Amino acid sequence: MAPRSTLHALAVGALCLALAALTGCGSDGGEPSSSKGGTSAAGQPSAPTESRAPSRGKGSKDPDDLNGDGHRDLVLPLFTQPGQDPAEGTDERVGVVYGSAKGLDPATRTVLGRRDLGLPGPPANPPVGAAGRDSVATKDVVTADLDGDGFADVVTTAATGEPVGDGHISAARSAPYVTWGGSGDPAKGAGAIPVRLPESASKLGVTSVVRGDFDGDGHHDLAGLAQNQSSTVVLYGPFTRSGEPKRTDTSLPFTDGDLAADEIDPSGKGRATSLLVHGISDGEQSPSTLYPASRGTGLSAEGRKLRGGNAHAFGDFDRDGQRDVAVGDDGSRNDEPGEGTEPADVDGKLTVYPGSGGAPVTHRLPEAPKGASTPYGPGGFTAADPDGDGRDGILVATYEGATLIDGDERTPVTRRGPAKADGEKTPEKWRHARPAGAADFDGDGKDELILNWGSGTYFGLYGEQPTRWWITDGTTSRDKTSFTTTEFVRR
């Protein structure tokens, strides 16, 4: 089975949502159930009144195992509800739900804010509408064991200080900070350590930081885009406790856009992870460049140009033991006049580029039901192996939920939100849950699928307001567990 991270799949934009004490909800998206996925006697939410501390592990090689107990954990975004003044902005925290031999346990969780992670304060004069001073966006967080001690560290890219100039660019410095992990929770309150960047990128820092094992030596690495547009910066581990990487590579060119990396093998086995640079997009399906990774040498500076497509996933989709990449149409469209179409080889299609170097294979995506499509599209892709056969399928977002494309087989996966939420009716076409990731939380060799749902028009258009979460039993209608993030907590 090919492992995968849930962190990036769950990082979503900041919109208003109650910060959670996690509670149970039913597999049908309507009537709630207990936090373990069973039905409570009264048919109402069975909410743990207090969160339990995670067990203290002895360490593991999995970058998604934050307490080192040998089980993957789920990182998800949590939002505070702002006041009536829009200048107050929206606060976000990082939530962690811990795994176990029985899977995810919503009662075992922690919430991390900027102070908890030991990050320096934000700029002194933030713009109107900026998030609060303890806010931290999940999209800026990755987990990786940078010092190789067996415990995943939390790496947060944070902007600090006032804008500084570097030739033709002026911006607040953005740099990754490490909150060192350990047995149990990450070290709350301990000062985070800034990662040391090369001199060429140190003044303005880096953005779009991702984790990987780019030279396949079993040590976790980082990559980011230099804000001064000088290069793509690759930092190879292991890192010292002062934040110094073993070596640095700035030979890869800078490209406007975002980075995505193949997944680190959670077993600790060295596997070189390739790097994808997805071009900047304004709704149109933008092309990507793939930089292949080789064990012992790292990332090749010779990039391979890939087709247009804003959705992508790494996995072994043909079960040949080599890592492939899928790129495809996420359904979004530029809504400027005359720009709402895509070429025939891009529109409604995904393409798998085999790791063996063979010819790309194209699949047609599920079509949108009449009247359901929007310029924002249904969402992205996730690699998943829910039957544990060693071949990954591609879980694609649709306007009716999700579909797992596994070879020639297609399996719909659906969960439904309630008909009424937050005192308002939910249009039928926006009640479907969205795929948000996949991982093997209980260690049975099969991936659970992660779906979420939130109320309101914005969820229908953007998918950025998750309040209900389902951890499925494969592609079946059963759930391993389900929970909601609805109870406001003021920190």
Protein backbone atom coordinates (compact mmCIF):
# COMPACT_ATOMS: atom_id res chain seq x y z
CA MET A 1 0.00 0.00 0.00
CA ALA A 2 1.31 3.45 -0.86
CA PRO A 3 1.24 5.80 2.15
CA ARG A 4 0.21 9.38 1.89
CA SER A 5 -0.06 12.52 3.96
CA THR A 6 -3.31 14.15 4.93
CA LEU A 7 -1.87 17.48 5.90
CA HIS A 8 -1.79 19.26 2.55
CA ALA A 9 -5.03 17.74 1.43
CA LEU A 10 -6.73 19.29 4.46
CA ALA A 11 -5.17 22.73 4.30
CA VAL A 12 -7.95 25.11 3.24
CA GLY A 13 -8.45 28.88 3.06
CA ALA A 14 -9.49 30.92 6.07
CA LEU A 15 -13.23 31.28 6.41
CA CYS A 16 -15.41 31.48 9.51
CA LEU A 17 -16.00 28.29 11.45
CA ALA A 18 -16.30 27.39 15.09
CA LEU A 19 -13.14 26.14 16.72
CA ALA A 20 -13.90 22.66 17.78
CA ALA A 21 -14.44 20.43 20.66
CA LEU A 22 -14.84 17.38 18.45
CA THR A 23 -18.24 15.69 18.51
CA GLY A 24 -19.83 12.72 16.77
CA CYS A 25 -21.96 12.76 13.65
CA GLY A 26 -23.63 10.01 11.70
CA SER A 27 -22.48 8.32 8.53
CA ASP A 28 -25.50 9.61 6.63
CA GLY A 29 -24.49 13.20 7.31
CA GLY A 30 -27.79 13.86 9.06
CA GLU A 31 -28.44 12.04 12.33
CA PRO A 32 -25.36 12.08 14.54
CA SER A 33 -23.56 9.15 16.07
CA SER A 34 -20.86 8.58 18.64
CA SER A 35 -17.25 9.67 18.10
CA LYS A 36 -16.36 6.02 17.48
CA GLY A 37 -18.70 5.79 14.51
CA GLY A 38 -21.49 3.82 16.26
CA THR A 39 -24.98 5.09 16.97
CA SER A 40 -25.62 6.53 20.40
CA ALA A 41 -28.67 5.40 22.35
CA ALA A 42 -30.47 8.71 21.93
CA GLY A 43 -29.40 9.18 18.31
CA GLN A 44 -27.77 12.49 19.26
CA PRO A 45 -24.12 13.58 19.24
CA SER A 46 -22.00 11.76 21.77
CA ALA A 47 -19.47 14.46 22.47
CA PRO A 48 -16.41 13.88 24.64
CA THR A 49 -16.61 16.55 27.32
CA GLU A 50 -12.82 16.86 27.50
CA SER A 51 -10.02 15.97 25.15
CA ARG A 52 -7.56 13.28 26.24
CA ALA A 53 -3.82 13.68 25.95
CA PRO A 54 -2.22 11.38 23.36
CA SER A 55 -0.22 8.35 24.41
CA ARG A 56 3.51 8.84 24.76
CA GLY A 57 5.23 6.92 21.99
CA LYS A 58 8.76 5.66 21.64
CA GLY A 59 9.27 7.14 18.18
CA SER A 60 8.62 6.14 14.57
CA LYS A 61 9.72 7.01 11.04
CA ASP A 62 6.32 8.30 9.92
CA PRO A 63 6.20 12.10 9.45
CA ASP A 64 2.43 12.01 10.11
CA ASP A 65 2.85 10.31 13.51
CA LEU A 66 3.19 13.30 15.81
CA ASN A 67 3.36 11.46 19.14
CA GLY A 68 5.57 8.64 17.90
CA ASP A 69 3.26 5.78 18.93
CA GLY A 70 3.36 4.07 15.53
CA HIS A 71 -0.04 5.33 14.31
CA ARG A 72 -0.73 8.09 11.78
CA ASP A 73 -2.46 11.24 13.01
CA LEU A 74 -4.82 13.64 11.24
CA VAL A 75 -3.97 17.34 10.97
CA LEU A 76 -6.94 19.58 10.15
CA PRO A 77 -7.81 23.30 10.16
CA LEU A 78 -9.89 24.85 12.95
CA PHE A 79 -11.33 28.37 12.77
CA THR A 80 -12.68 30.85 15.29
CA GLN A 81 -15.85 32.78 14.60
CA PRO A 82 -15.01 36.47 14.11
CA GLY A 83 -17.10 39.28 15.51
CA GLN A 84 -19.29 41.62 13.51
CA ASP A 85 -16.39 43.91 12.67
CA PRO A 86 -14.76 42.60 9.45
CA ALA A 87 -11.50 44.29 10.50
CA GLU A 88 -11.13 41.59 13.16
CA GLY A 89 -10.24 39.00 10.54
CA THR A 90 -10.54 35.22 10.95
CA ASP A 91 -8.43 33.20 13.35
CA GLU A 92 -7.27 29.70 12.51
CA ARG A 93 -5.63 27.00 14.60
CA VAL A 94 -4.09 23.65 13.77
CA GLY A 95 -6.02 20.65 15.10
CA VAL A 96 -4.50 17.20 15.57
CA VAL A 97 -6.67 14.07 15.98
CA TYR A 98 -4.51 11.13 17.05
CA GLY A 99 -4.53 7.65 15.57
CA SER A 100 -4.52 4.32 17.41
CA ALA A 101 -4.73 0.58 16.76
CA LYS A 102 -8.50 1.15 16.39
CA GLY A 103 -8.07 4.15 14.09
CA LEU A 104 -8.59 7.84 14.74
CA ASP A 105 -9.96 8.76 18.17
CA PRO A 106 -11.66 12.20 18.11
CA ALA A 107 -11.47 12.36 21.91
CA THR A 108 -7.66 12.26 21.72
CA ARG A 109 -6.70 15.56 20.19
CA THR A 110 -4.86 18.81 20.61
CA VAL A 111 -5.16 22.37 19.28
CA LEU A 112 -2.11 24.43 18.36
CA GLY A 113 -1.98 28.20 17.92
CA ARG A 114 0.92 30.48 17.13
CA ARG A 115 1.90 30.79 20.80
CA ASP A 116 1.67 27.02 21.32
CA LEU A 117 4.09 26.50 18.45
CA GLY A 118 6.49 29.10 19.86
CA LEU A 119 6.37 31.22 16.73
CA PRO A 120 7.44 34.86 16.72
CA GLY A 121 4.68 37.44 16.60
CA PRO A 122 3.17 38.57 13.31
CA PRO A 123 4.01 41.98 11.76
CA ALA A 124 3.34 44.84 14.18
CA ASN A 125 0.93 46.63 11.84
CA PRO A 126 -1.10 43.90 10.10
CA PRO A 127 -3.50 44.93 7.31
CA VAL A 128 -7.23 45.34 7.92
CA GLY A 129 -8.92 41.94 8.03
CA ALA A 130 -5.74 40.10 8.99
CA ALA A 131 -6.00 37.12 11.31
CA GLY A 132 -5.42 37.47 15.06
CA ARG A 133 -2.00 37.35 16.64
CA ASP A 134 -2.36 33.72 17.75
CA SER A 135 -3.67 32.53 14.39
CA VAL A 136 -1.74 29.97 12.33
CA ALA A 137 -2.92 28.72 8.93
CA THR A 138 -2.82 24.97 8.36
CA LYS A 139 -1.76 25.56 4.74
CA ASP A 140 1.50 26.97 6.12
CA VAL A 141 2.26 23.87 8.22
CA VAL A 142 4.03 20.61 7.35
CA THR A 143 5.25 17.84 9.63
CA ALA A 144 8.63 16.14 9.23
CA ASP A 145 11.27 14.59 11.46
CA LEU A 146 14.04 17.03 10.61
CA ASP A 147 16.57 15.95 13.27
CA GLY A 148 15.97 12.21 12.88
CA ASP A 149 15.08 11.52 16.52
CA GLY A 150 11.96 9.48 15.65
CA PHE A 151 9.45 12.21 16.46
CA ALA A 152 7.76 14.40 13.86
CA ASP A 153 8.42 18.12 14.13
CA VAL A 154 5.98 20.87 13.15
CA VAL A 155 7.37 23.20 10.49
CA THR A 156 5.44 26.46 10.08
CA THR A 157 6.16 29.06 7.42
CA ALA A 158 5.55 32.38 9.14
CA ALA A 159 5.80 35.99 8.00
CA THR A 160 7.45 38.26 10.56
CA GLY A 161 8.51 41.88 10.83
CA GLU A 162 7.81 44.77 8.51
CA PRO A 163 8.19 44.56 4.72
CA VAL A 164 11.76 44.67 3.48
CA GLY A 165 13.06 45.35 -0.01
CA ASP A 166 15.25 43.14 -2.14
CA GLY A 167 15.75 44.94 -5.42
CA HIS A 168 12.38 45.06 -7.17
CA ILE A 169 10.45 43.09 -4.51
CA SER A 170 9.16 44.29 -1.13
CA ALA A 171 7.54 41.82 1.27
CA ALA A 172 7.53 40.67 4.89
CA ARG A 173 10.19 38.03 5.40
CA SER A 174 8.73 34.53 5.27
CA ALA A 175 10.67 31.64 6.76
CA PRO A 176 10.05 28.11 8.08
CA TYR A 177 10.24 27.70 11.88
CA VAL A 178 10.62 24.33 13.59
CA THR A 179 8.72 23.34 16.73
CA TRP A 180 10.61 20.22 17.80
CA GLY A 181 8.49 17.14 18.40
CA GLY A 182 8.67 14.58 21.14
CA SER A 183 6.74 11.87 22.95
CA GLY A 184 3.14 13.09 23.25
CA ASP A 185 2.19 16.55 21.97
CA PRO A 186 4.64 18.83 20.16
CA ALA A 187 6.53 20.96 22.69
CA LYS A 188 3.93 23.64 23.42
CA GLY A 189 5.32 27.03 24.37
CA ALA A 190 8.95 26.23 23.55
CA GLY A 191 10.52 28.74 21.19
CA ALA A 192 10.44 27.68 17.56
CA ILE A 193 13.79 27.64 15.77
CA PRO A 194 14.13 29.35 12.36
CA VAL A 195 15.46 27.13 9.59
CA ARG A 196 18.71 28.50 8.19
CA LEU A 197 18.32 29.54 4.58
CA PRO A 198 21.05 30.11 1.98
CA GLU A 199 22.33 33.67 1.72
CA SER A 200 20.75 34.09 -1.72
CA ALA A 201 17.26 33.69 -0.22
CA SER A 202 17.75 34.76 3.40
CA LYS A 203 16.61 38.40 3.18
CA LEU A 204 13.03 37.76 2.01
CA GLY A 205 12.84 34.05 2.82
CA VAL A 206 10.77 31.36 1.11
CA THR A 207 7.14 30.42 0.53
CA SER A 208 5.21 27.26 -0.46
CA VAL A 209 7.35 25.05 1.79
CA VAL A 210 6.89 21.28 1.33
CA ARG A 211 8.53 18.23 2.87
CA GLY A 212 10.15 15.30 1.10
CA ASP A 213 13.06 12.87 0.95
CA PHE A 214 14.51 14.22 -2.26
CA ASP A 215 17.72 12.16 -2.23
CA GLY A 216 16.12 8.99 -0.82
CA ASP A 217 18.51 8.68 2.14
CA GLY A 218 15.73 8.29 4.72
CA HIS A 219 16.28 11.78 6.17
CA HIS A 220 13.50 14.31 5.75
CA ASP A 221 14.10 17.40 3.61
CA LEU A 222 12.35 20.72 2.86
CA ALA A 223 11.85 22.73 -0.34
CA GLY A 224 10.45 26.21 -0.92
CA LEU A 225 10.27 29.03 -3.45
CA ALA A 226 12.58 31.99 -2.80
CA GLN A 227 10.52 35.17 -2.43
CA ASN A 228 13.17 37.16 -4.31
CA GLN A 229 12.54 34.80 -7.27
CA SER A 230 16.16 33.67 -7.35
CA SER A 231 15.56 29.90 -7.23
CA THR A 232 13.73 26.95 -5.76
CA VAL A 233 15.50 26.26 -2.45
CA VAL A 234 16.05 22.62 -1.40
CA LEU A 235 17.26 21.93 2.15
CA TYR A 236 18.52 18.40 2.75
CA GLY A 237 18.36 16.77 6.18
CA PRO A 238 19.16 15.83 8.78
CA PHE A 239 18.95 19.26 10.41
CA THR A 240 20.78 20.31 13.55
CA ARG A 241 18.80 21.60 16.54
CA SER A 242 19.93 25.08 15.52
CA GLY A 243 18.04 24.71 12.22
CA GLU A 244 21.04 24.06 9.97
CA PRO A 245 20.43 21.65 7.06
CA LYS A 246 23.07 19.12 6.09
CA ARG A 247 23.32 20.73 2.65
CA THR A 248 21.49 23.22 0.45
CA ASP A 249 20.73 23.21 -3.28
CA THR A 250 19.64 26.33 -5.22
CA SER A 251 20.21 24.96 -8.74
CA LEU A 252 16.50 24.53 -9.54
CA PRO A 253 14.96 27.60 -11.23
CA PHE A 254 12.25 29.76 -9.69
CA THR A 255 8.75 29.46 -11.17
CA ASP A 256 5.66 31.40 -10.12
CA GLY A 257 3.24 28.94 -8.55
CA ASP A 258 3.16 26.33 -5.80
CA LEU A 259 5.18 23.26 -4.87
CA ALA A 260 3.92 19.72 -4.26
CA ALA A 261 6.08 16.74 -3.34
CA ASP A 262 5.68 12.99 -3.43
CA GLU A 263 5.08 11.32 -0.06
CA ILE A 264 7.78 10.18 2.33
CA ASP A 265 7.65 6.44 3.03
CA PRO A 266 6.33 6.17 6.63
CA SER A 267 8.30 2.98 7.23
CA GLY A 268 11.54 4.94 7.11
CA LYS A 269 12.70 3.17 3.98
CA GLY A 270 14.61 5.54 1.74
CA ARG A 271 12.56 6.51 -1.30
CA ALA A 272 13.46 9.50 -3.46
CA THR A 273 10.47 11.87 -3.66
CA SER A 274 10.01 13.95 -6.81
CA LEU A 275 8.98 17.60 -6.76
CA LEU A 276 6.15 19.18 -8.76
CA VAL A 277 6.01 22.91 -9.51
CA HIS A 278 2.46 23.89 -10.45
CA GLY A 279 2.25 27.13 -12.41
CA ILE A 280 0.29 30.08 -11.08
CA SER A 281 -3.41 29.96 -11.92
CA ASP A 282 -6.29 32.42 -12.06
CA GLY A 283 -8.87 29.69 -12.50
CA GLU A 284 -7.49 28.36 -15.78
CA GLN A 285 -5.86 24.90 -15.82
CA SER A 286 -2.15 25.70 -15.49
CA PRO A 287 0.72 23.42 -16.53
CA SER A 288 3.25 21.89 -14.13
CA THR A 289 6.91 20.94 -14.21
CA LEU A 290 8.09 17.68 -12.64
CA TYR A 291 11.62 17.47 -11.22
CA PRO A 292 12.45 13.76 -10.84
CA ALA A 293 14.35 12.62 -7.75
CA SER A 294 17.10 10.02 -7.64
CA ARG A 295 18.42 8.14 -4.66
CA GLY A 296 21.82 9.47 -3.63
CA THR A 297 21.85 12.54 -5.87
CA GLY A 298 18.60 14.38 -5.21
CA LEU A 299 16.42 16.40 -7.56
CA SER A 300 17.32 16.72 -11.21
CA ALA A 301 17.54 20.26 -12.59
CA GLU A 302 16.08 18.92 -15.84
CA GLY A 303 12.34 19.34 -15.41
CA ARG A 304 9.64 17.56 -17.40
CA LYS A 305 6.81 19.74 -18.65
CA LEU A 306 3.37 18.30 -17.87
CA ARG A 307 -0.07 19.10 -19.25
CA GLY A 308 -2.42 21.73 -17.87
CA GLY A 309 -4.36 20.75 -14.76
CA ASN A 310 -4.81 22.22 -11.27
CA ALA A 311 -5.37 18.82 -9.60
CA HIS A 312 -2.50 16.40 -8.98
CA ALA A 313 -1.52 13.37 -6.92
CA PHE A 314 1.50 11.09 -6.54
CA GLY A 315 1.09 7.31 -6.22
CA ASP A 316 1.76 3.91 -7.76
CA PHE A 317 -1.23 3.80 -10.09
CA ASP A 318 -0.08 0.84 -12.21
CA ARG A 319 1.37 -1.33 -9.39
CA ASP A 320 4.82 -1.63 -10.93
CA GLY A 321 6.61 -0.48 -7.77
CA GLN A 322 7.50 2.92 -9.22
CA ARG A 323 5.96 6.25 -8.31
CA ASP A 324 3.71 7.95 -10.85
CA VAL A 325 2.09 11.36 -10.95
CA ALA A 326 -1.49 12.18 -12.02
CA VAL A 327 -2.38 15.66 -13.29
CA GLY A 328 -5.84 16.74 -14.35
CA ASP A 329 -8.72 19.15 -14.60
CA ASP A 330 -10.13 20.26 -11.24
CA GLY A 331 -13.08 21.90 -12.99
CA SER A 332 -12.16 25.51 -12.24
CA ARG A 333 -12.38 28.04 -15.05
CA ASN A 334 -11.23 31.60 -15.53
CA ASP A 335 -14.46 33.61 -15.57
CA GLU A 336 -13.11 36.49 -17.67
CA PRO A 337 -15.00 36.96 -20.97
CA GLY A 338 -13.82 34.43 -23.54
CA GLU A 339 -11.61 32.55 -21.05
CA GLY A 340 -14.06 29.95 -19.71
CA THR A 341 -12.94 27.03 -21.88
CA GLU A 342 -10.01 24.60 -21.91
CA PRO A 343 -8.36 22.63 -24.75
CA ALA A 344 -9.94 19.26 -25.60
CA ASP A 345 -6.96 17.35 -24.21
CA VAL A 346 -7.38 19.14 -20.84
CA ASP A 347 -11.13 19.61 -20.45
CA GLY A 348 -12.62 16.92 -18.18
CA LYS A 349 -9.56 14.68 -18.27
CA LEU A 350 -6.70 13.46 -16.08
CA THR A 351 -3.38 12.07 -17.26
CA VAL A 352 -1.11 9.62 -15.43
CA TYR A 353 2.62 9.94 -16.12
CA PRO A 354 4.23 6.58 -15.29
CA GLY A 355 7.37 6.57 -13.16
CA SER A 356 8.83 4.02 -15.59
CA GLY A 357 8.94 6.70 -18.27
CA GLY A 358 6.26 5.01 -20.37
CA ALA A 359 3.60 6.78 -22.39
CA PRO A 360 1.11 8.90 -20.41
CA VAL A 361 -2.35 7.39 -19.87
CA THR A 362 -5.42 9.63 -20.05
CA HIS A 363 -8.75 9.06 -18.28
CA ARG A 364 -12.02 10.96 -18.62
CA LEU A 365 -13.35 12.46 -15.39
CA PRO A 366 -16.97 12.13 -14.22
CA GLU A 367 -19.20 14.75 -15.81
CA ALA A 368 -20.99 17.37 -13.76
CA PRO A 369 -24.76 16.89 -13.34
CA LYS A 370 -26.86 19.42 -15.20
CA GLY A 371 -26.95 22.74 -13.37
CA ALA A 372 -24.34 21.80 -10.77
CA SER A 373 -21.12 23.12 -12.30
CA THR A 374 -19.54 26.41 -11.21
CA PRO A 375 -16.40 28.33 -12.30
CA TYR A 376 -14.71 27.03 -9.13
CA GLY A 377 -14.87 23.31 -9.90
CA PRO A 378 -15.53 20.39 -7.55
CA GLY A 379 -11.97 20.01 -6.20
CA GLY A 380 -8.72 18.08 -6.47
CA PHE A 381 -7.23 14.57 -6.44
CA THR A 382 -5.98 12.23 -3.71
CA ALA A 383 -4.09 8.95 -4.13
CA ALA A 384 -5.69 6.13 -2.12
CA ASP A 385 -5.40 2.35 -1.76
CA PRO A 386 -8.56 1.40 0.19
CA ASP A 387 -8.38 -2.31 -0.69
CA GLY A 388 -4.69 -2.68 0.20
CA ASP A 389 -3.73 -4.40 -3.06
CA GLY A 390 -0.67 -2.22 -3.60
CA ARG A 391 -2.13 -0.28 -6.52
CA ASP A 392 -3.25 3.26 -5.79
CA GLY A 393 -6.48 4.63 -7.13
CA ILE A 394 -7.15 8.30 -7.77
CA LEU A 395 -9.92 9.76 -5.60
CA VAL A 396 -11.34 12.67 -7.59
CA ALA A 397 -13.76 15.29 -6.30
CA THR A 398 -17.09 15.47 -8.13
CA TYR A 399 -20.27 17.52 -7.83
CA GLU A 400 -21.89 14.53 -6.14
CA GLY A 401 -19.09 13.67 -3.72
CA ALA A 402 -16.11 11.66 -4.97
CA THR A 403 -15.23 8.85 -7.34
CA LEU A 404 -12.32 6.43 -6.92
CA ILE A 405 -10.72 5.68 -10.30
CA ASP A 406 -8.74 2.46 -9.82
CA GLY A 407 -7.59 1.11 -13.18
CA ASP A 408 -10.77 0.56 -15.18
CA GLU A 409 -13.00 0.50 -12.08
CA ARG A 410 -14.92 3.54 -10.85
CA THR A 411 -16.52 3.59 -7.42
CA PRO A 412 -18.62 6.54 -6.17
CA VAL A 413 -18.05 7.57 -2.54
CA THR A 414 -20.70 9.80 -0.99
CA ARG A 415 -21.58 11.33 2.38
CA ARG A 416 -24.29 13.92 2.91
CA GLY A 417 -24.52 17.00 5.06
CA PRO A 418 -27.79 17.87 6.82
CA ALA A 419 -30.72 19.50 5.03
CA LYS A 420 -30.57 22.37 7.53
CA ALA A 421 -27.52 23.83 9.26
CA ASP A 422 -26.85 27.04 11.18
CA GLY A 423 -30.56 27.83 11.02
CA GLU A 424 -30.66 27.79 7.21
CA LYS A 425 -31.66 25.22 4.63
CA THR A 426 -28.89 23.71 2.56
CA PRO A 427 -29.53 23.48 -1.20
CA GLU A 428 -29.64 19.83 -2.22
CA LYS A 429 -26.79 20.24 -4.71
CA TRP A 430 -24.45 21.45 -1.93
CA ARG A 431 -25.11 18.67 0.59
CA HIS A 432 -22.42 16.32 -0.72
CA ALA A 433 -19.20 15.94 1.26
CA ARG A 434 -15.85 16.53 -0.41
CA PRO A 435 -12.77 14.29 -0.42
CA ALA A 436 -10.00 15.76 1.72
CA GLY A 437 -7.34 13.02 1.88
CA ALA A 438 -6.62 9.38 2.60
CA ALA A 439 -4.43 7.49 5.09
CA ASP A 440 -4.17 4.21 6.98
CA PHE A 441 -4.89 5.33 10.53
CA ASP A 442 -5.38 1.88 12.09
CA GLY A 443 -2.43 0.11 10.46
CA ASP A 444 -4.45 -2.62 8.70
CA GLY A 445 -2.74 -2.00 5.34
CA LYS A 446 -5.81 -0.32 3.82
CA ASP A 447 -6.44 3.39 3.43
CA GLU A 448 -9.39 5.13 5.00
CA LEU A 449 -10.83 7.97 2.92
CA ILE A 450 -11.34 11.39 4.48
CA LEU A 451 -14.36 13.48 3.49
CA ASN A 452 -15.66 16.72 4.96
CA TRP A 453 -18.62 19.04 4.65
CA GLY A 454 -19.57 22.53 5.75
CA SER A 455 -22.67 24.66 5.47
CA GLY A 456 -23.11 27.84 3.48
CA THR A 457 -22.69 29.00 -0.09
CA TYR A 458 -18.94 29.37 0.22
CA PHE A 459 -18.54 25.64 0.82
CA GLY A 460 -20.53 24.98 -2.33
CA LEU A 461 -18.28 27.24 -4.37
CA TYR A 462 -14.87 26.83 -2.81
CA GLY A 463 -14.91 23.88 -0.40
CA GLU A 464 -13.33 25.98 2.34
CA GLN A 465 -15.68 25.57 5.32
CA PRO A 466 -15.41 22.00 6.67
CA THR A 467 -17.38 21.33 9.86
CA ARG A 468 -18.19 17.61 9.54
CA TRP A 469 -15.63 14.89 8.94
CA TRP A 470 -16.01 11.25 7.88
CA ILE A 471 -13.22 8.65 8.07
CA THR A 472 -14.62 5.93 5.84
CA ASP A 473 -14.24 2.16 5.86
CA GLY A 474 -12.73 2.09 2.39
CA THR A 475 -15.21 2.86 -0.37
CA THR A 476 -18.14 1.37 1.56
CA SER A 477 -21.00 3.30 3.15
CA ARG A 478 -19.60 2.45 6.59
CA ASP A 479 -17.40 4.80 8.62
CA LYS A 480 -14.50 3.99 10.91
CA THR A 481 -15.40 7.19 12.75
CA SER A 482 -17.06 10.55 12.16
CA PHE A 483 -17.11 13.82 14.07
CA THR A 484 -18.06 17.47 13.83
CA THR A 485 -16.10 20.63 14.63
CA THR A 486 -18.90 22.83 15.90
CA GLU A 487 -18.33 23.87 19.51
CA PHE A 488 -16.74 27.29 19.84
CA VAL A 489 -13.72 27.56 22.09
CA ARG A 490 -12.18 30.92 22.85
CA ARG A 491 -8.46 30.75 23.43
